[in-house]
Amino acid sequence: MVTDATGFGPPSEFADDVLEVVDQIPEGMVMTYGDIAEVLGRGGPRGVGSVMARYGSDVPWWRVLRSGGWFPQGLEDEALAHYREEGTPLVGGALDGRRVDLAVARWKDARRPTA
């Protein structure tokens, strides 16, 4: 099997579609893994998460969140810097930590990639 610099091989058609949707998300807005799977009509949140873990470094990865609006795990500080720079609405306090305000920041106008 031929692999690329990531060690995972070239992205599949599904991975390309996920990355194309992520590229559409405007500054200050976010989508959840499940939102992206819903736009694509396949893959599910875990499938989208797998694509982002393997190939997401070249797209605005910080705009893709878990369903509760939680920052990407392990990248919280870097993501927070992006959110502040882009003016992404945040909520949170001492009890639940910081997260993106999905009620305000969730982007709903993504388009399914066309072949």
Protein backbone atom coordinates (compact mmCIF):
# COMPACT_ATOMS: atom_id res chain seq x y z
CA MET A 1 0.00 0.00 0.00
CA VAL A 2 1.31 3.43 -0.93
CA THR A 3 1.16 6.02 1.84
CA ASP A 4 1.67 9.78 1.87
CA ALA A 5 3.57 11.94 4.37
CA THR A 6 0.84 11.39 6.98
CA GLY A 7 1.40 7.64 6.83
CA PHE A 8 -2.30 7.08 6.13
CA GLY A 9 -2.25 6.97 2.35
CA PRO A 10 -4.17 9.29 0.07
CA PRO A 11 -7.56 10.54 1.29
CA SER A 12 -10.65 8.63 0.17
CA GLU A 13 -13.54 10.28 -1.65
CA PHE A 14 -15.32 10.55 1.71
CA ALA A 15 -12.29 12.24 3.27
CA ASP A 16 -12.06 14.68 0.37
CA ASP A 17 -15.75 15.51 0.82
CA VAL A 18 -15.33 16.07 4.57
CA LEU A 19 -12.38 18.40 4.00
CA GLU A 20 -14.31 20.30 1.32
CA VAL A 21 -17.19 20.93 3.74
CA VAL A 22 -14.78 22.05 6.48
CA ASP A 23 -13.17 24.47 4.02
CA GLN A 24 -16.59 26.11 3.50
CA ILE A 25 -17.10 27.02 7.17
CA PRO A 26 -16.75 30.81 7.53
CA GLU A 27 -14.60 32.49 10.17
CA GLY A 28 -16.35 32.72 13.53
CA MET A 29 -18.67 29.82 12.69
CA VAL A 30 -18.47 26.10 13.50
CA MET A 31 -20.01 22.74 12.66
CA THR A 32 -20.07 19.54 14.67
CA TYR A 33 -18.77 16.22 13.40
CA GLY A 34 -22.40 15.10 13.17
CA ASP A 35 -23.41 18.21 11.22
CA ILE A 36 -20.81 17.40 8.57
CA ALA A 37 -21.90 13.75 8.35
CA GLU A 38 -25.49 14.94 7.95
CA VAL A 39 -24.56 17.30 5.11
CA LEU A 40 -22.72 14.46 3.37
CA GLY A 41 -25.44 11.91 4.09
CA ARG A 42 -22.85 9.34 5.17
CA GLY A 43 -19.98 8.57 7.50
CA GLY A 44 -21.37 9.50 10.88
CA PRO A 45 -19.62 11.69 13.46
CA ARG A 46 -16.88 9.13 14.14
CA GLY A 47 -16.10 8.81 10.44
CA VAL A 48 -15.77 12.59 10.18
CA GLY A 49 -13.61 12.62 13.31
CA SER A 50 -11.33 9.98 11.83
CA VAL A 51 -10.89 12.04 8.67
CA MET A 52 -10.13 15.15 10.69
CA ALA A 53 -7.58 13.30 12.83
CA ARG A 54 -5.78 12.00 9.76
CA TYR A 55 -6.09 14.79 7.20
CA GLY A 56 -7.54 17.85 8.93
CA SER A 57 -4.35 19.83 9.53
CA ASP A 58 -4.63 21.70 6.20
CA VAL A 59 -8.19 22.94 6.77
CA PRO A 60 -9.63 25.13 9.58
CA TRP A 61 -9.88 22.14 11.96
CA TRP A 62 -10.81 24.34 14.95
CA ARG A 63 -14.19 24.99 13.31
CA VAL A 64 -15.21 21.32 13.76
CA LEU A 65 -16.42 20.41 17.25
CA ARG A 66 -17.96 17.70 19.35
CA SER A 67 -21.73 17.91 19.75
CA GLY A 68 -21.61 19.90 23.00
CA GLY A 69 -19.48 22.65 21.48
CA TRP A 70 -16.34 21.43 23.26
CA PHE A 71 -12.98 22.50 21.85
CA PRO A 72 -11.02 19.86 19.89
CA GLN A 73 -9.49 17.52 22.46
CA GLY A 74 -5.78 18.04 23.02
CA LEU A 75 -5.77 21.26 21.01
CA GLU A 76 -7.81 23.46 23.35
CA ASP A 77 -5.30 26.31 23.73
CA GLU A 78 -4.54 26.52 20.01
CA ALA A 79 -8.24 26.39 19.17
CA LEU A 80 -9.04 29.12 21.71
CA ALA A 81 -6.52 31.42 20.04
CA HIS A 82 -8.29 30.86 16.70
CA TYR A 83 -11.74 31.45 18.26
CA ARG A 84 -10.62 34.72 19.81
CA GLU A 85 -9.00 35.86 16.54
CA GLU A 86 -12.14 35.03 14.55
CA GLY A 87 -14.65 36.30 17.12
CA THR A 88 -16.31 32.89 17.59
CA PRO A 89 -18.97 33.13 20.36
CA LEU A 90 -17.96 31.23 23.50
CA VAL A 91 -19.77 30.17 26.66
CA GLY A 92 -18.72 28.41 29.83
CA GLY A 93 -17.81 28.84 33.39
CA ALA A 94 -16.12 27.16 36.28
CA LEU A 95 -18.42 24.12 36.23
CA ASP A 96 -18.41 23.10 32.58
CA GLY A 97 -15.32 24.74 31.11
CA ARG A 98 -15.15 26.78 27.96
CA ARG A 99 -16.93 25.80 24.79
CA VAL A 100 -18.29 27.37 21.64
CA ASP A 101 -21.84 28.71 21.80
CA LEU A 102 -23.42 26.39 19.23
CA ALA A 103 -26.76 28.21 19.42
CA VAL A 104 -25.05 31.27 17.93
CA ALA A 105 -22.01 29.93 16.06
CA ARG A 106 -23.37 26.78 14.36
CA TRP A 107 -23.16 27.18 10.59
CA LYS A 108 -26.09 25.64 8.72
CA ASP A 109 -25.43 26.65 5.12
CA ALA A 110 -22.86 24.03 4.12
CA ARG A 111 -23.29 22.54 0.68
CA ARG A 112 -22.77 18.90 -0.20
CA PRO A 113 -19.70 18.59 -2.45
CA THR A 114 -20.50 17.76 -6.04
CA ALA A 115 -18.61 15.21 -8.07
